[in-house]
N, C-alpha and C. Protein backbone atom coordinates (compact mmCIF):
# COMPACT_ATOMS: atom_id res chain seq x y z
N UNK A 1 -21.85 -15.61 9.06
CA UNK A 1 -22.08 -15.89 7.89
C UNK A 1 -21.16 -14.42 6.97
N UNK A 2 -21.60 -13.21 8.06
CA UNK A 2 -20.89 -11.69 7.36
C UNK A 2 -19.58 -11.49 7.59
N UNK A 3 -18.96 -12.63 8.57
CA UNK A 3 -17.57 -12.57 8.62
C UNK A 3 -17.24 -13.53 8.04
N UNK A 4 -17.58 -14.07 7.45
CA UNK A 4 -16.68 -15.15 6.16
C UNK A 4 -16.97 -13.60 5.29
N UNK A 5 -17.87 -13.20 4.82
CA UNK A 5 -18.12 -12.57 4.14
C UNK A 5 -16.79 -11.50 3.54
N UNK A 6 -17.04 -10.96 5.09
CA UNK A 6 -15.57 -9.82 4.96
C UNK A 6 -14.44 -10.00 4.94
N UNK A 7 -13.90 -11.47 5.52
CA UNK A 7 -12.47 -11.74 5.10
C UNK A 7 -12.24 -12.69 4.09
N UNK A 8 -13.68 -12.77 3.36
CA UNK A 8 -13.74 -13.05 1.82
C UNK A 8 -13.11 -11.99 0.71
N UNK A 9 -13.95 -10.84 1.36
CA UNK A 9 -13.30 -9.40 0.56
C UNK A 9 -12.38 -8.66 0.43
N UNK A 10 -12.34 -8.74 2.10
CA UNK A 10 -10.37 -8.88 2.98
C UNK A 10 -9.51 -9.49 1.90
N UNK A 11 -9.49 -10.74 1.86
CA UNK A 11 -8.52 -11.32 0.94
C UNK A 11 -8.54 -10.63 -0.29
N UNK A 12 -9.48 -10.70 -1.26
CA UNK A 12 -9.76 -9.82 -2.30
C UNK A 12 -8.76 -8.78 -2.34
N UNK A 13 -9.46 -8.33 -1.41
CA UNK A 13 -8.48 -6.86 -2.26
C UNK A 13 -7.19 -6.71 -1.66
N UNK A 14 -6.68 -7.74 -0.47
CA UNK A 14 -5.42 -7.97 -0.80
C UNK A 14 -5.03 -8.30 -1.78
N UNK A 15 -5.20 -9.56 -2.40
CA UNK A 15 -4.77 -9.99 -3.53
C UNK A 15 -4.77 -9.00 -4.82
N UNK A 16 -5.80 -8.24 -4.62
CA UNK A 16 -5.65 -7.35 -5.93
C UNK A 16 -4.48 -6.23 -5.11
N UNK A 17 -4.26 -5.95 -4.36
CA UNK A 17 -2.95 -5.02 -4.06
C UNK A 17 -1.79 -5.86 -4.25
N UNK A 18 -1.87 -6.80 -3.76
CA UNK A 18 -0.23 -7.82 -4.40
C UNK A 18 -0.38 -7.70 -5.89
N UNK A 19 -0.83 -7.81 -6.38
CA UNK A 19 -1.11 -8.40 -7.64
C UNK A 19 -0.62 -6.55 -8.24
N UNK A 20 -0.95 -5.58 -8.07
CA UNK A 20 -0.89 -4.09 -8.27
C UNK A 20 0.60 -4.13 -7.97
N UNK A 21 0.98 -3.97 -6.61
CA UNK A 21 2.63 -3.46 -5.98
C UNK A 21 3.39 -4.69 -5.90
N UNK A 22 3.39 -5.75 -6.52
CA UNK A 22 4.59 -6.59 -6.37
C UNK A 22 5.37 -6.29 -7.85
N UNK A 23 4.91 -5.84 -9.30
CA UNK A 23 5.68 -5.30 -10.17
C UNK A 23 6.47 -3.86 -9.76
N UNK A 24 5.98 -3.50 -9.07
CA UNK A 24 6.08 -2.26 -8.55
C UNK A 24 7.15 -1.97 -7.64
N UNK A 25 6.97 -3.24 -6.69
CA UNK A 25 8.38 -3.60 -5.34
C UNK A 25 9.50 -3.89 -6.54
N UNK A 26 9.24 -4.37 -7.15
CA UNK A 26 10.05 -5.67 -8.24
C UNK A 26 11.36 -4.65 -8.77
N UNK A 27 10.55 -3.47 -9.69
CA UNK A 27 10.88 -2.79 -10.51
C UNK A 27 11.57 -1.50 -9.53
N UNK A 28 11.42 -1.12 -8.22
CA UNK A 28 12.32 -0.24 -7.44
C UNK A 28 13.76 -0.75 -6.97
N UNK A 29 12.58 -2.91 -6.72
CA UNK A 29 14.33 -3.09 -6.03
C UNK A 29 15.23 -3.07 -6.86
N UNK A 30 14.75 -3.31 -8.15
CA UNK A 30 16.33 -3.40 -9.04
C UNK A 30 16.98 -1.74 -9.89
N UNK A 31 16.32 -0.99 -9.21
CA UNK A 31 16.98 0.23 -9.81
C UNK A 31 17.59 0.84 -8.43
N UNK A 32 18.31 1.53 -9.08
CA UNK A 32 19.01 2.31 -7.77
C UNK A 32 17.95 3.59 -7.37
N UNK A 33 18.28 3.97 -6.06
CA UNK A 33 17.28 5.32 -5.63
C UNK A 33 17.31 6.50 -6.36
N UNK A 34 18.68 6.98 -6.59
CA UNK A 34 19.27 8.08 -7.66
C UNK A 34 18.65 7.65 -8.77
N UNK A 35 17.88 6.46 -9.41
CA UNK A 35 17.87 6.65 -10.62
C UNK A 35 16.12 6.50 -10.91
N UNK A 36 15.14 6.14 -9.51
CA UNK A 36 13.93 6.28 -9.76
C UNK A 36 13.38 7.57 -10.41
N UNK A 37 14.20 9.05 -9.77
CA UNK A 37 13.79 10.09 -9.78
C UNK A 37 12.51 9.93 -9.91
N UNK A 38 11.63 10.87 -11.02
CA UNK A 38 10.03 11.21 -10.44
C UNK A 38 9.10 9.93 -11.10
N UNK A 39 9.68 8.66 -10.84
CA UNK A 39 8.74 7.41 -11.05
C UNK A 39 8.59 6.55 -9.41
N UNK A 40 9.52 7.24 -8.65
CA UNK A 40 9.04 6.59 -7.65
C UNK A 40 8.41 7.51 -6.24
N UNK A 41 7.70 7.23 -5.90
CA UNK A 41 7.32 7.76 -4.52
C UNK A 41 8.14 8.08 -3.38
N UNK A 42 7.92 9.63 -2.95
CA UNK A 42 9.06 9.47 -1.47
C UNK A 42 8.48 8.83 -0.32
N UNK A 43 8.92 8.73 0.48
CA UNK A 43 8.33 7.77 1.78
C UNK A 43 7.64 8.71 2.55
N UNK A 44 7.99 10.52 2.16
CA UNK A 44 7.13 11.46 2.99
C UNK A 44 5.54 11.49 2.51
N UNK A 45 5.69 10.06 1.76
CA UNK A 45 4.41 10.52 1.14
C UNK A 45 3.35 9.29 1.56
N UNK A 46 3.85 8.49 2.37
CA UNK A 46 3.30 7.51 2.73
C UNK A 46 2.13 7.41 4.26
N UNK A 47 2.81 8.67 4.75
CA UNK A 47 1.92 8.70 6.06
C UNK A 47 0.37 9.41 5.87
N UNK A 48 0.63 10.21 4.79
CA UNK A 48 -0.64 11.33 4.35
C UNK A 48 -1.44 10.43 3.84
N UNK A 49 -1.36 9.51 2.57
CA UNK A 49 -2.25 8.50 2.28
C UNK A 49 -2.23 7.53 3.19
N UNK A 50 -2.12 7.37 4.41
CA UNK A 50 -2.33 6.14 5.21
C UNK A 50 -3.74 7.07 6.47
N UNK A 51 -3.15 8.12 6.93
CA UNK A 51 -4.19 9.15 7.18
C UNK A 51 -5.63 9.40 6.49
N UNK A 52 -5.66 9.49 5.05
CA UNK A 52 -6.47 9.80 3.88
C UNK A 52 -7.44 8.31 4.09
N UNK A 53 -6.75 7.52 3.97
CA UNK A 53 -7.00 6.12 3.85
C UNK A 53 -7.92 6.08 5.16
N UNK A 54 -7.66 5.96 6.24
CA UNK A 54 -8.14 5.98 7.79
C UNK A 54 -9.23 6.69 7.64
N UNK A 55 -8.97 7.55 7.33
CA UNK A 55 -10.39 8.50 6.99
C UNK A 55 -11.66 8.41 6.47
N UNK A 56 -11.16 7.55 5.00
CA UNK A 56 -11.99 7.74 4.53
C UNK A 56 -12.94 6.07 4.97
N UNK A 57 -12.46 4.96 5.32
CA UNK A 57 -12.39 4.09 6.04
C UNK A 57 -13.52 3.94 7.04
N UNK A 58 -13.57 4.69 7.88
CA UNK A 58 -13.94 4.85 9.05
C UNK A 58 -13.35 3.89 10.18
N UNK A 59 -14.75 3.01 10.59
CA UNK A 59 -14.18 2.06 11.90
C UNK A 59 -14.23 0.51 11.44
N UNK A 60 -14.48 0.56 9.44
CA UNK A 60 -13.86 -0.75 9.78
C UNK A 60 -13.55 -1.78 9.46
N UNK A 61 -13.37 -2.65 9.74
CA UNK A 61 -11.69 -3.41 10.54
C UNK A 61 -11.17 -3.62 8.87
N UNK A 62 -12.29 -3.96 8.15
CA UNK A 62 -11.87 -4.09 6.87
C UNK A 62 -11.01 -3.32 6.46
N UNK A 63 -11.63 -2.10 6.08
CA UNK A 63 -10.90 -0.89 6.12
C UNK A 63 -9.71 -0.35 6.35
N UNK A 64 -9.47 -1.18 7.77
CA UNK A 64 -7.99 -0.19 8.18
C UNK A 64 -7.15 -1.54 8.25
N UNK A 65 -7.50 -2.59 7.95
CA UNK A 65 -6.16 -3.55 7.36
C UNK A 65 -6.03 -3.19 6.70
N UNK A 66 -6.98 -2.45 4.87
CA UNK A 66 -6.91 -2.44 4.17
C UNK A 66 -5.38 -1.48 3.73
N UNK A 67 -5.91 -0.51 4.65
CA UNK A 67 -4.58 1.01 5.14
C UNK A 67 -3.37 0.57 5.57
N UNK A 68 -3.56 -0.81 6.16
CA UNK A 68 -2.37 -0.98 6.55
C UNK A 68 -1.31 -1.60 5.72
N UNK A 69 -2.27 -2.49 5.10
CA UNK A 69 -1.25 -3.15 3.68
C UNK A 69 -0.90 -1.95 2.70
N UNK A 70 -1.86 -1.37 2.93
CA UNK A 70 -1.06 -0.32 1.41
C UNK A 70 -0.43 0.58 2.02
N UNK A 71 -0.08 1.00 3.30
CA UNK A 71 1.19 1.68 4.26
C UNK A 71 2.34 0.62 4.23
N UNK A 72 2.21 -0.54 4.42
CA UNK A 72 3.10 -1.04 4.05
C UNK A 72 4.10 -1.72 3.33
N UNK A 73 3.32 -1.22 2.03
CA UNK A 73 3.39 -2.01 0.71
C UNK A 73 4.21 -0.53 -0.07
N UNK A 74 3.45 0.95 0.42
CA UNK A 74 4.37 2.38 0.50
C UNK A 74 5.59 1.98 0.88
N UNK A 75 5.66 1.87 2.15
CA UNK A 75 7.25 2.15 2.94
C UNK A 75 8.11 0.99 2.37
N UNK A 76 8.16 -0.31 1.81
CA UNK A 76 8.59 -0.95 1.60
C UNK A 76 9.20 -0.50 -0.18
N UNK A 77 8.66 -0.33 -0.87
CA UNK A 77 8.47 0.11 -2.07
C UNK A 77 9.22 2.11 -2.00
N UNK A 78 9.08 2.74 -1.25
CA UNK A 78 9.33 4.32 -1.44
C UNK A 78 10.70 4.21 -1.64
N UNK A 79 11.03 5.95 -2.45
CA UNK A 79 12.48 6.45 -2.45
C UNK A 79 12.53 6.78 -1.30
N UNK A 80 13.53 7.00 -0.61
CA UNK A 80 14.07 7.26 0.14
C UNK A 80 14.75 8.26 0.58
N UNK A 81 15.30 8.84 -0.34
CA UNK A 81 16.34 9.91 -0.78
C UNK A 81 15.49 10.99 -2.01
N UNK A 82 14.94 11.95 -1.51
CA UNK A 82 13.81 12.65 -2.49
C UNK A 82 14.53 13.98 -2.54
C-alpha cells in the first residue's frame, strides 16, 4: 500500500515537472542560444541545483528520482554558452 502511494506521488510530481518544464524547453529550442540571454539558465547551474535537491531530499527514493528528473530537464533546456 505504501509503495503504491509513493509511486503515485512520484508520478504526480513528475507530471507537474513535465507540465512546467515542457513549455520552457520548447521556448528554449525555438530561439538561438545567443538570444536567450538572461531568460535561460546556464548549464553550470544544473549540478549545484542537483546537489541541493539531493541534500534536501534525504535518502528517500522518490526524492532522489525527482532530483534526477529535474537535473535531466535542466541539462536538456539550459544555455550552454553563457
